[in-house]
Protein backbone atom coordinates (compact mmCIF):
# COMPACT_ATOMS: atom_id res chain seq x y z
CA MET A 1 -0.05 -0.14 -0.07
CA THR A 2 1.47 3.33 -0.99
CA LYS A 3 1.96 6.15 1.61
CA PRO A 4 -0.32 9.09 1.64
CA LEU A 5 1.18 12.17 -0.28
CA ALA A 6 3.01 14.30 2.45
CA ILE A 7 2.23 18.01 2.20
CA SER A 8 5.29 20.45 2.84
CA ARG A 9 4.60 23.61 4.64
CA ASN A 10 6.33 27.01 4.44
CA LEU A 11 8.33 28.31 7.26
CA PRO A 12 5.72 30.98 8.49
CA PHE A 13 3.31 28.09 8.90
CA MET A 14 5.89 25.96 10.72
CA CYS A 15 6.74 28.77 13.18
CA LEU A 16 2.91 29.06 13.91
CA LEU A 17 2.76 25.21 14.64
CA SER A 18 5.96 25.65 16.89
CA PHE A 19 4.40 28.51 18.69
CA THR A 20 1.33 26.19 19.54
CA ILE A 21 3.66 23.43 20.59
CA GLY A 22 5.55 25.74 22.87
CA ILE A 23 2.40 26.62 24.52
CA ILE A 24 1.55 23.05 25.05
CA ALA A 25 5.05 22.31 26.15
CA GLY A 26 4.94 25.10 28.87
CA LEU A 27 1.39 24.04 30.07
CA GLY A 28 2.52 20.45 29.96
CA ALA A 29 5.74 20.98 32.13
CA TRP A 30 3.60 22.82 34.73
CA ALA A 31 0.87 20.23 34.80
CA PHE A 32 3.42 17.45 34.91
CA ARG A 33 5.10 19.11 38.09
CA ARG A 34 1.81 19.55 39.76
CA LEU A 35 0.76 15.96 39.23
CA ILE A 36 4.05 14.82 40.73
CA GLY A 37 3.30 16.99 43.80
CA PHE A 38 -0.13 15.81 44.19
CA ILE A 39 1.00 12.11 44.14
CA HIS A 40 4.01 12.80 46.24
CA ASN A 41 2.01 14.68 48.86
CA ILE A 42 -0.75 12.00 49.16
CA LEU A 43 1.81 9.04 49.55
CA PHE A 44 4.09 10.58 51.64
CA LEU A 45 2.39 13.36 53.75
CA GLU A 46 -1.34 12.35 53.58
CA LYS A 47 -2.08 15.91 52.16
CA PHE A 48 -4.33 16.57 49.03
CA GLN A 49 -2.42 19.50 47.62
CA CYS A 50 -0.33 19.93 44.49
CA TYR A 51 2.44 22.31 45.53
CA TYR A 52 5.86 20.54 46.06
CA ASP A 53 9.32 22.00 45.97
CA ALA A 54 11.68 19.30 45.10
CA ASN A 55 14.72 21.53 46.31
CA VAL A 56 13.45 21.15 49.93
CA HIS A 57 13.58 18.00 51.80
CA THR A 58 10.31 16.17 52.51
CA PRO A 59 9.42 16.11 56.15
CA GLU A 60 9.09 12.56 57.73
CA SER A 61 6.03 10.81 56.61
CA PRO A 62 3.25 10.18 59.23
CA TRP A 63 3.33 6.59 57.87
CA GLY A 64 6.63 5.91 59.59
CA PRO A 65 7.93 2.50 58.21
CA GLY A 66 4.92 2.42 56.09
CA VAL A 67 6.45 4.86 53.66
CA ILE A 68 8.08 1.75 52.19
CA LEU A 69 4.70 1.06 50.69
CA ALA A 70 4.67 4.42 48.71
CA PRO A 71 7.09 3.08 46.02
CA MET A 72 5.46 -0.21 45.95
CA ILE A 73 1.97 1.42 45.24
CA GLY A 74 3.39 3.48 42.56
CA ALA A 75 5.02 0.38 41.00
CA LEU A 76 1.80 -1.55 40.77
CA VAL A 77 -0.01 1.40 38.76
CA VAL A 78 3.08 2.21 36.58
CA ALA A 79 3.41 -1.38 35.45
CA TRP A 80 -0.25 -1.64 34.85
CA LEU A 81 -0.30 1.61 32.68
CA VAL A 82 2.89 0.73 30.72
CA LYS A 83 1.80 -2.89 30.04
CA THR A 84 -1.89 -2.02 29.10
CA PHE A 85 -1.62 1.11 27.14
CA ALA A 86 2.02 2.21 26.02
CA PRO A 87 5.13 -0.12 26.37
CA GLU A 88 7.00 2.81 24.93
CA ALA A 89 6.56 4.87 28.10
CA LYS A 90 8.68 2.38 30.06
CA GLY A 91 12.31 3.60 30.76
CA HIS A 92 13.65 7.01 30.15
CA GLY A 93 11.88 7.93 26.99
CA VAL A 94 14.37 9.77 24.80
CA PRO A 95 15.59 6.47 23.10
CA GLU A 96 11.88 5.82 21.86
CA VAL A 97 11.80 9.45 20.52
CA MET A 98 15.10 8.98 18.66
CA ASP A 99 13.97 5.58 17.38
CA ALA A 100 10.70 7.21 15.97
CA ILE A 101 12.88 9.83 14.10
CA TYR A 102 15.33 7.53 12.49
CA TYR A 103 13.23 4.28 11.95
CA ASN A 104 9.51 5.10 12.00
CA ASP A 105 9.16 8.13 9.84
CA SER A 106 8.86 10.24 12.98
CA LYS A 107 5.62 8.85 13.98
CA ILE A 108 5.02 8.68 17.85
CA ARG A 109 1.53 7.54 19.02
CA SER A 110 -0.48 10.18 20.65
CA VAL A 111 -1.30 7.91 23.62
CA VAL A 112 2.44 7.74 24.48
CA GLY A 113 2.57 11.27 25.75
CA VAL A 114 -0.35 11.05 27.99
CA ILE A 115 0.60 7.61 29.54
CA LYS A 116 4.25 8.78 29.88
CA ALA A 117 3.19 11.78 31.83
CA VAL A 118 0.91 9.85 34.18
CA ALA A 119 3.19 6.83 34.60
CA SER A 120 6.29 8.92 35.30
CA ALA A 121 4.37 11.40 37.70
CA ILE A 122 3.46 8.35 39.69
CA CYS A 123 7.00 6.89 39.64
CA ILE A 124 8.64 9.99 40.59
CA GLY A 125 5.87 11.08 43.18
CA SER A 126 5.91 7.72 44.89
CA GLY A 127 9.72 7.83 45.44
CA GLY A 128 11.22 6.37 42.37
CA SER A 129 14.71 7.48 41.68
CA VAL A 130 14.21 9.14 38.32
CA GLY A 131 13.94 12.53 36.76
CA ARG A 132 11.40 14.77 35.09
CA GLU A 133 13.27 15.49 31.81
CA GLY A 134 12.58 12.19 30.11
CA PRO A 135 8.80 12.33 30.45
CA ILE A 136 8.69 15.89 29.43
CA ILE A 137 10.65 15.35 26.36
CA GLN A 138 8.47 12.44 25.22
CA ILE A 139 5.32 14.32 26.13
CA GLY A 140 6.31 17.31 23.88
CA ALA A 141 7.73 15.02 21.03
CA SER A 142 4.52 12.96 21.19
CA PHE A 143 2.49 16.15 20.59
CA GLY A 144 4.62 17.53 17.85
CA SER A 145 4.59 14.07 16.02
CA THR A 146 0.79 13.82 16.27
CA LEU A 147 0.38 17.37 15.07
CA GLY A 148 2.60 16.72 12.24
CA GLN A 149 0.80 13.26 11.33
CA ILE A 150 -2.66 15.06 11.56
CA LEU A 151 -1.48 17.73 8.96
CA LYS A 152 0.31 15.17 6.81
CA LEU A 153 3.55 16.69 6.99
CA PRO A 154 6.81 15.03 5.59
CA PRO A 155 9.21 13.35 8.00
CA ARG A 156 11.79 16.02 7.92
CA GLN A 157 9.05 18.62 9.11
CA ILE A 158 7.68 16.32 11.59
CA VAL A 159 11.27 15.90 13.12
CA THR A 160 11.29 19.79 13.58
CA LEU A 161 7.97 19.55 15.55
CA ILE A 162 9.20 16.78 17.63
CA ALA A 163 12.53 18.69 18.31
CA ALA A 164 10.22 21.75 19.08
CA GLY A 165 8.22 19.86 21.51
CA ALA A 166 11.03 18.08 23.32
CA GLY A 167 13.20 21.36 23.47
CA GLY A 168 10.21 23.34 24.77
CA GLY A 169 9.66 20.62 27.45
CA ILE A 170 13.27 20.82 28.72
CA ALA A 171 13.33 24.51 28.79
CA ALA A 172 10.10 24.93 30.62
CA THR A 173 10.99 22.17 33.10
CA PHE A 174 14.40 23.63 34.03
CA ASN A 175 13.92 27.20 33.24
CA ALA A 176 16.77 26.58 30.73
CA PRO A 177 15.86 27.98 27.25
CA LEU A 178 19.42 27.67 25.67
CA GLY A 179 19.68 24.13 27.22
CA GLY A 180 16.48 23.22 25.54
CA LEU A 181 17.47 24.50 22.21
CA ILE A 182 20.81 22.93 22.24
CA PHE A 183 19.50 19.37 23.42
CA ALA A 184 17.15 19.62 20.33
CA ILE A 185 20.15 20.38 18.03
CA GLU A 186 22.44 17.77 19.64
CA LEU A 187 20.11 14.91 19.95
CA LEU A 188 16.94 15.13 17.73
CA LEU A 189 17.57 17.32 14.65
CA VAL A 190 19.02 15.58 11.65
CA THR A 191 20.30 18.73 10.16
CA VAL A 192 20.43 22.39 11.46
CA ASN A 193 19.24 25.16 9.15
CA ALA A 194 16.88 28.05 9.34
CA LYS A 195 13.93 25.88 8.45
CA ASN A 196 14.07 24.15 11.69
CA ILE A 197 16.22 26.18 14.05
CA LEU A 198 13.82 29.21 13.79
CA PRO A 199 10.55 26.97 14.76
CA VAL A 200 12.43 25.08 17.41
CA THR A 201 13.67 28.47 18.97
CA ILE A 202 10.08 29.82 18.98
CA ALA A 203 8.94 26.80 20.75
CA THR A 204 11.72 26.88 23.48
CA VAL A 205 11.14 30.65 24.02
CA THR A 206 7.43 30.29 24.21
CA ALA A 207 7.59 27.38 26.54
CA THR A 208 10.13 29.06 28.75
CA TYR A 209 8.01 32.10 29.18
CA ILE A 210 5.06 30.05 30.13
CA GLY A 211 6.96 27.96 32.36
CA ARG A 212 8.38 31.06 34.20
CA THR A 213 4.78 32.65 34.59
CA LEU A 214 3.36 29.53 36.21
CA LEU A 215 6.51 27.96 37.95
CA GLY A 216 8.65 31.06 38.84
CA VAL A 217 11.56 32.81 37.30
CA GLU A 218 14.39 31.51 39.49
CA PRO A 219 16.83 29.08 38.04
CA SER A 220 16.58 25.48 39.21
CA PHE A 221 19.59 25.52 41.67
CA TYR A 222 19.54 29.15 42.62
CA PHE A 223 20.68 30.84 45.93
CA PRO A 224 22.29 34.09 46.01
CA ALA A 225 25.70 32.95 47.58
CA LEU A 226 26.34 30.76 44.45
CA THR A 227 26.31 33.60 41.93
CA PRO A 228 28.47 36.48 42.75
CA LEU A 229 30.67 37.62 39.88
CA ASP A 230 34.17 37.01 41.14
CA LEU A 231 36.50 38.31 38.53
CA HIS A 232 40.00 36.71 39.27
CA LEU A 233 42.14 34.49 37.32
CA SER A 234 41.98 30.84 38.69
CA SER A 235 45.22 29.11 39.76
CA VAL A 236 46.41 26.79 36.94
CA TRP A 237 47.07 23.99 39.39
CA SER A 238 43.53 24.19 40.47
CA LEU A 239 42.32 23.84 36.72
CA LEU A 240 44.55 20.93 36.30
CA LEU A 241 42.87 19.02 38.99
CA PHE A 242 39.70 18.98 36.84
CA VAL A 243 41.56 16.65 34.32
CA PRO A 244 41.64 13.58 36.75
CA PHE A 245 38.32 14.50 37.95
CA GLY A 246 37.11 14.35 34.29
CA LEU A 247 38.59 10.88 34.04
CA ILE A 248 36.66 9.88 37.10
CA MET A 249 33.41 11.11 35.85
CA GLY A 250 34.07 9.31 32.57
CA LEU A 251 34.23 6.24 34.61
CA VAL A 252 31.09 7.05 36.55
CA SER A 253 29.18 7.75 33.48
CA THR A 254 30.24 4.54 31.99
CA LEU A 255 29.19 2.68 35.10
CA PHE A 256 26.00 4.45 34.86
CA VAL A 257 25.23 3.67 31.14
CA ARG A 258 26.17 0.03 31.61
CA GLY A 259 24.42 -0.42 35.00
CA ILE A 260 21.14 0.62 33.76
CA TYR A 261 21.02 -1.99 31.09
CA TRP A 262 22.83 -4.60 33.34
CA ALA A 263 19.92 -4.32 35.67
CA GLU A 264 17.23 -4.32 32.81
CA ASP A 265 18.71 -7.65 31.56
CA ARG A 266 18.76 -9.05 35.03
CA PHE A 267 15.14 -8.06 35.83
CA ASP A 268 14.17 -9.39 32.31
CA ALA A 269 15.67 -12.79 33.22
CA MET A 270 13.90 -13.06 36.63
CA PRO A 271 10.98 -15.37 37.11
CA GLY A 272 7.64 -13.80 37.59
CA ASN A 273 5.92 -11.09 35.54
CA THR A 274 6.04 -7.36 35.05
CA TYR A 275 4.21 -6.68 38.30
CA THR A 276 6.33 -8.83 40.47
CA ARG A 277 9.66 -7.46 39.05
CA HIS A 278 8.84 -3.85 39.48
CA LEU A 279 7.21 -4.53 42.88
CA SER A 280 10.10 -6.34 44.30
CA ALA A 281 12.66 -3.62 43.04
CA MET A 282 10.48 -0.76 44.49
CA PHE A 283 10.28 -2.54 47.77
CA ALA A 284 14.03 -2.44 47.83
CA VAL A 285 14.08 1.52 46.97
CA GLY A 286 11.25 1.84 49.78
CA VAL A 287 13.36 0.16 52.33
CA MET A 288 16.37 2.23 51.13
CA ILE A 289 14.52 5.71 51.57
CA TRP A 290 13.14 4.72 54.87
CA LEU A 291 16.53 3.70 56.23
CA PHE A 292 17.97 7.11 55.23
CA MET A 293 15.17 8.80 57.08
CA ARG A 294 15.60 6.67 60.25
CA TYR A 295 19.34 7.19 60.48
CA THR A 296 20.04 10.69 58.75
CA GLY A 297 16.77 12.37 59.05
CA TYR A 298 16.08 12.87 55.30
CA TYR A 299 14.94 10.69 52.44
CA TYR A 300 17.83 11.78 50.44
CA VAL A 301 17.76 9.52 47.23
CA GLN A 302 13.78 9.36 46.66
CA GLY A 303 12.58 11.10 43.71
CA VAL A 304 14.72 13.58 41.59
CA GLY A 305 17.01 14.25 44.64
CA TYR A 306 17.36 17.98 43.98
CA ALA A 307 17.12 18.81 47.73
CA THR A 308 20.19 16.74 48.35
CA ILE A 309 22.08 18.62 45.38
CA MET A 310 20.97 21.87 47.03
CA ASP A 311 22.67 20.70 50.22
CA ILE A 312 25.91 20.01 48.42
CA LEU A 313 25.80 23.37 46.59
CA GLU A 314 25.21 25.15 49.87
CA THR A 315 28.00 23.15 51.54
CA VAL A 316 25.59 21.52 53.88
CA LEU A 317 26.95 18.00 53.15
CA LEU A 318 30.46 17.85 53.84
CA ASP A 319 30.88 14.17 55.43
CA PRO A 320 32.90 12.07 52.93
CA ARG A 321 31.55 8.92 54.23
CA LEU A 322 27.92 10.18 53.50
CA LEU A 323 28.86 11.38 50.20
CA ILE A 324 30.10 8.05 49.09
CA LEU A 325 26.95 6.29 50.52
CA LEU A 326 24.66 8.91 48.66
CA PHE A 327 26.49 8.14 45.38
CA CYS A 328 26.25 4.35 45.87
CA CYS A 329 22.72 4.22 46.94
CA LYS A 330 21.55 6.79 44.13
CA PHE A 331 23.11 4.73 41.53
CA VAL A 332 21.44 1.45 43.01
CA ALA A 333 18.13 3.08 43.30
CA THR A 334 18.15 4.51 39.66
CA CYS A 335 19.15 0.88 38.47
CA LEU A 336 16.36 -0.62 40.39
CA THR A 337 13.80 1.85 39.27
CA LEU A 338 14.60 2.05 35.59
CA GLY A 339 15.90 -1.61 35.21
CA SER A 340 12.69 -3.19 36.66
CA GLY A 341 10.39 -1.18 34.46
CA GLY A 342 9.88 2.34 35.87
CA SER A 343 9.20 5.26 33.88
CA GLY A 344 11.21 8.52 34.24
CA GLY A 345 14.52 10.41 33.11
CA VAL A 346 17.98 10.03 33.73
CA PHE A 347 19.10 13.73 33.83
CA SER A 348 18.22 14.00 37.60
CA PRO A 349 20.13 10.96 38.66
CA SER A 350 23.13 11.95 36.64
CA LEU A 351 23.06 15.29 38.44
CA PHE A 352 22.78 13.66 41.74
CA MET A 353 25.72 11.34 41.13
CA GLY A 354 27.89 14.02 39.44
CA ALA A 355 27.31 16.39 42.44
CA THR A 356 28.07 13.76 45.25
CA MET A 357 31.21 12.53 43.42
CA GLY A 358 32.28 16.26 42.69
CA ALA A 359 31.88 17.29 46.34
CA LEU A 360 33.70 14.23 47.53
CA THR A 361 36.65 14.77 45.02
CA GLY A 362 36.71 18.60 45.80
CA HIS A 363 36.81 17.83 49.63
CA SER A 364 39.69 15.37 49.09
CA ALA A 365 41.59 17.77 46.82
CA ALA A 366 41.10 20.45 49.25
CA ILE A 367 42.74 18.34 51.93
CA LEU A 368 45.70 17.14 49.72
CA PHE A 369 46.46 20.43 48.25
CA PRO A 370 45.36 23.10 50.99
CA GLY A 371 47.10 26.17 49.51
CA ILE A 372 45.78 26.59 46.10
CA GLY A 373 42.09 27.71 46.71
CA ILE A 374 40.00 24.66 45.87
CA ASP A 375 36.24 25.11 46.16
CA PRO A 376 34.37 21.77 46.48
CA VAL A 377 31.22 23.46 45.06
CA ASP A 378 33.05 23.99 41.71
CA PHE A 379 33.78 20.28 41.60
CA ALA A 380 30.29 19.44 42.28
CA ILE A 381 28.94 21.74 39.51
CA ALA A 382 31.46 20.49 36.99
CA GLY A 383 30.44 16.79 37.99
CA MET A 384 26.85 17.68 37.45
CA ALA A 385 27.57 18.88 33.80
CA ALA A 386 29.87 15.99 33.20
CA GLY A 387 27.64 13.51 34.30
CA VAL A 388 24.80 14.77 32.10
CA GLY A 389 26.94 15.10 29.06
CA ALA A 390 29.03 12.16 29.26
CA SER A 391 26.18 9.68 30.04
CA THR A 392 23.88 11.22 27.24
CA GLY A 393 26.18 12.28 24.70
CA ALA A 394 24.91 15.64 24.87
CA ILE A 395 28.09 17.33 26.09
CA ILE A 396 27.29 20.83 25.07
CA THR A 397 23.68 20.51 26.49
CA GLY A 398 25.02 19.33 29.75
CA GLY A 399 27.35 22.23 30.26
CA VAL A 400 25.08 25.02 29.12
CA MET A 401 21.93 23.73 31.17
CA ILE A 402 24.08 23.53 34.33
CA LEU A 403 25.29 26.98 33.86
CA GLU A 404 21.57 28.19 33.45
CA MET A 405 20.34 26.15 36.33
CA THR A 406 22.98 27.43 38.76
CA GLN A 407 23.69 30.86 37.20
CA ASP A 408 27.30 30.32 38.39
CA ALA A 409 29.40 31.89 35.70
CA ASN A 410 32.68 31.17 37.65
CA VAL A 411 32.85 27.58 36.73
CA VAL A 412 32.74 27.74 32.89
CA MET A 413 36.42 26.40 32.46
CA PRO A 414 36.10 23.64 35.17
CA ILE A 415 32.74 22.44 33.27
CA MET A 416 34.54 22.36 29.93
CA ILE A 417 37.67 20.51 31.26
CA THR A 418 35.61 17.92 33.18
CA SER A 419 33.01 17.27 30.54
CA ALA A 420 35.39 17.05 27.74
CA PHE A 421 37.55 14.33 29.63
CA ALA A 422 34.45 12.67 30.94
CA TYR A 423 33.02 12.38 27.43
CA GLY A 424 36.08 10.91 26.03
CA ILE A 425 36.56 8.28 28.48
CA ARG A 426 32.98 7.39 28.35
CA LYS A 427 32.97 7.21 24.53
CA TRP A 428 36.17 5.08 24.61
CA LEU A 429 34.81 2.56 27.25
CA SER A 430 31.07 2.55 26.00
CA PRO A 431 30.58 3.62 22.26
CA GLY A 432 26.87 3.88 23.00
CA SER A 433 25.41 6.48 25.28
CA ILE A 434 22.53 5.88 27.68
CA TYR A 435 20.35 6.93 24.90
CA THR A 436 21.76 5.30 21.98
CA LEU A 437 22.89 1.85 23.61
CA LYS A 438 19.24 1.09 24.11
CA LEU A 439 18.84 1.20 20.38
CA LEU A 440 22.04 -0.46 19.44
CA ARG A 441 20.77 -3.43 21.46
CA ARG A 442 17.82 -3.60 18.88
CA GLY A 443 20.24 -3.21 15.90
CA HIS A 444 19.19 0.35 15.28
CA ILE A 445 22.28 2.77 14.67
CA VAL A 446 21.45 6.36 15.58
CA PRO A 447 23.77 9.50 15.59
CA GLU A 448 25.07 10.87 19.02
CA GLY A 449 25.69 14.44 19.66
CA LEU A 450 25.61 16.76 16.40
CA GLN A 451 26.26 13.87 14.03
CA ALA A 452 24.02 15.43 11.55
CA ALA A 453 24.31 12.73 8.67
CA MET A 454 22.62 9.48 9.35
CA SER A 455 25.32 7.91 7.08
CA GLU A 456 28.04 9.06 9.42
CA SER A 457 26.83 6.46 12.05
CA MET A 458 25.68 3.64 9.53
CA THR A 459 27.97 0.69 8.82
CA VAL A 460 27.93 -1.79 5.80
CA GLN A 461 25.65 -4.48 7.75
CA ASP A 462 23.04 -1.74 8.08
CA ILE A 463 22.44 -1.49 4.21
CA MET A 464 23.53 -4.76 2.77
CA GLU A 465 21.27 -7.24 0.88
CA LYS A 466 21.21 -10.37 2.78
CA THR A 467 18.95 -12.32 0.37
CA TYR A 468 20.85 -13.31 -2.75
CA LYS A 469 21.44 -16.56 -4.73
CA THR A 470 24.79 -18.37 -5.32
CA VAL A 471 25.25 -20.06 -8.49
CA ASP A 472 28.10 -21.81 -10.59
CA GLY A 473 29.35 -19.90 -13.59
CA GLU A 474 27.91 -22.50 -16.07
CA THR A 475 24.46 -22.22 -14.75
CA ALA A 476 21.76 -20.77 -16.79
CA ILE A 477 19.88 -18.12 -14.97
CA GLU A 478 16.64 -16.24 -15.25
CA PRO A 479 15.92 -12.57 -14.13
CA SER A 480 15.31 -12.23 -10.39
CA GLU A 481 14.65 -9.43 -7.87
CA THR A 482 17.81 -10.16 -6.07
CA PRO A 483 21.65 -10.16 -7.01
CA VAL A 484 23.14 -13.37 -7.77
CA LEU A 485 26.86 -14.24 -6.72
CA VAL A 486 28.58 -16.26 -9.42
CA THR A 487 31.35 -18.71 -8.46
CA SER A 488 33.55 -21.30 -10.12
CA GLY A 489 34.46 -23.69 -7.31
CA ASP A 490 36.04 -21.79 -4.49
CA THR A 491 36.70 -18.64 -6.79
CA ILE A 492 34.39 -15.66 -7.01
CA LEU A 493 33.67 -14.62 -10.62
CA GLY A 494 31.47 -11.52 -9.70
CA VAL A 495 27.79 -10.52 -9.51
CA VAL A 496 24.91 -10.69 -11.66
CA PRO A 497 22.70 -7.71 -11.29
CA PRO A 498 18.95 -7.99 -10.31
CA HIS A 499 16.67 -8.26 -13.34
CA ILE A 500 19.27 -9.63 -15.66
CA GLY A 501 19.25 -13.22 -16.87
CA GLY A 502 18.57 -15.46 -19.87
CA SER A 503 21.90 -16.78 -20.21
CA ARG A 504 24.80 -18.78 -18.53
CA ALA A 505 26.14 -16.71 -15.47
CA ARG A 506 29.60 -16.36 -16.49
CA LEU A 507 28.43 -14.72 -19.62
CA ILE A 508 26.67 -11.93 -18.06
CA VAL A 509 28.52 -11.61 -14.61
CA ASN A 510 29.75 -8.14 -13.55
CA GLN A 511 33.38 -8.19 -12.23
CA GLN A 512 33.53 -4.76 -10.87
CA TYR A 513 33.38 -5.62 -7.48
CA ILE A 514 35.18 -4.95 -4.20
CA MET A 515 35.45 -6.88 -0.83
CA THR A 516 34.33 -4.95 2.34
CA PRO A 517 34.03 -5.90 6.13
CA GLU A 518 30.61 -5.77 7.68
CA LYS A 519 31.77 -3.25 10.08
CA ASN A 520 33.00 -0.80 7.62
CA PRO A 521 31.48 2.70 7.79
CA VAL A 522 29.09 3.23 5.01
CA ASN A 523 30.88 6.52 3.99
CA ASP A 524 34.11 4.80 3.55
CA LEU A 525 32.62 2.07 1.53
CA LEU A 526 31.22 4.73 -0.74
CA ARG A 527 34.61 6.34 -1.01
CA GLU A 528 36.32 2.96 -2.02
CA MET A 529 33.55 2.17 -4.48
CA HIS A 530 33.81 5.62 -6.14
CA THR A 531 37.58 5.42 -6.42
CA THR A 532 37.73 1.66 -7.76
CA LYS A 533 34.69 2.30 -10.03
CA ALA A 534 33.03 -0.76 -8.54
CA LYS A 535 29.39 -1.48 -9.07
CA PHE A 536 29.12 -4.01 -6.15
CA ALA A 537 30.55 -4.66 -2.64
CA LEU A 538 30.68 -8.23 -1.21
CA VAL A 539 30.53 -8.21 2.54
CA THR A 540 32.41 -10.61 4.46
CA GLY A 541 33.02 -11.25 8.16
CA THR A 542 36.63 -12.58 7.55
CA PRO A 543 39.52 -10.74 6.56
CA GLY A 544 41.69 -11.60 3.50
CA SER A 545 40.42 -13.33 0.31
CA PRO A 546 37.13 -14.99 1.64
CA MET A 547 35.61 -18.32 0.20
CA PRO A 548 32.18 -17.83 -1.52
CA ARG A 549 30.38 -19.30 1.39
CA GLU A 550 32.07 -16.73 3.73
CA ILE A 551 30.09 -13.94 1.85
CA ILE A 552 27.28 -12.65 4.08
CA GLY A 553 25.80 -9.81 2.02
CA ILE A 554 25.97 -7.71 -1.09
CA VAL A 555 25.86 -4.10 -1.53
CA THR A 556 24.46 -2.75 -4.89
CA GLU A 557 23.83 0.71 -6.06
CA ARG A 558 20.08 -0.01 -5.07
CA GLU A 559 21.00 -0.33 -1.44
CA VAL A 560 23.24 2.73 -1.59
CA ALA A 561 20.47 4.78 -3.18
CA ALA A 562 17.83 3.47 -0.63
CA SER A 563 20.04 4.53 2.34
CA THR A 564 20.67 7.89 0.80
CA MET A 565 17.09 8.45 0.31
CA ARG A 566 16.08 7.42 3.73
CA ALA A 567 18.40 9.94 5.27
CA ALA A 568 17.29 12.78 2.92
CA GLU A 569 13.59 12.04 4.01
CA LEU A 570 14.73 13.58 7.54
CA LYS A 571 16.86 16.50 6.26
């Protein structure tokens, strides 16, 4: 069945749509946070009210040890919603948006946004260790995609609306308009030009204004003592300490990326069903937050964890043993929440772990090097930026957002150094980010961080033709839909193109072919085919001169054209 004809719209019309999306994103961010507060206040405080300041510690629940049940109640509802209505709402959401852009013509089901909002609000409000950004990204993206499908826009323009919704959601949620715009550029837009950057900008500005009107104008982690403009030249030695700290954060980010999916695999392999797995994990989270309240006086690792981050930035948390414990417990709680089937984002856990590891490193460095003016808060802020940037692959987004969220202009260079080294180490140890690894496990290749061209991230195995015939050169063949590999014993003679036949194979074989490994990047293959004037590439998983039986695929000009057209649809 042929696809319905897409209708491309002009730039003013796209800007008008993005303005509408920005309004929805801003209102959605406000409603989402109110819903989180409503659920949190019921389950923790027996109050029917929507106001909830995540930057302030939740008082001890009147339920006492019964607070352990709060995450379990949330788990039952979340598991039912996800299983019944939208499996895409499971997890942190952004991979599903990226997958829709590159592998589903930018189509996201409209129900996903609604279920994601409710499921994530329940998960966060009941104490699950996840963040707000993943849900709001999926909510905004779902609305943008649905609007584009209703108007029958081409995929490249639906991508613009998806990016507008996601960027607007980020901007309104964190009061970070630049961060929202750059997130859309780094992770969602396939190319960057006036036709998409203007609509996305309009959406993020609109959403930010509405968010500030309804949620307040203060930055996410603002307090006056953090932001005075201190114009002085930092010590070279203090800056150099951010290099090893960047290496540490690279290891932390790799641990986080791998830990989430390791936990997911373990839970998937557990006996039982969706409900029992998620319920058992959230029981453990409930016990953890209750023990923290009993022995420290605060729930610390429940929910988004912003109150703990504020304690670190205000230098209230100084005990290295507690910082280590908080880091480890937040990591475990997040792996339990997301790995077992919870719904929520990964920004907030990344911020939490980056802040705790940064404060710990900063305090240790201040003790070891007392004379060079080390401020542990600088390490905490740099750790937050590096944690987000390295784990998600959006390194510029991480730095810009943290600067917007703290309004601390004194830590620009520490953020740059730490984030760059952390990203390099994570990329070396784990080529997939916390977003792209989920898709790589499905066999879906997607770009990471400003890799605009789809072909930059594709390999030969992604485009090769796996269905082909192998015949002897003396065999008479008829035209077919697939290429034919022609051999003579253990020798490869060449390839008969599709739709060619009516003679013995050796008489019509095309010998203009090259050998290529399956992991070879597509762009490298195209350059080699152009240089050698080859019409075909035989794909092999073994080096050297392979036997005919070791050929695992064939790349023809048809596959090259198809992959090029697929990428062009999104640009």
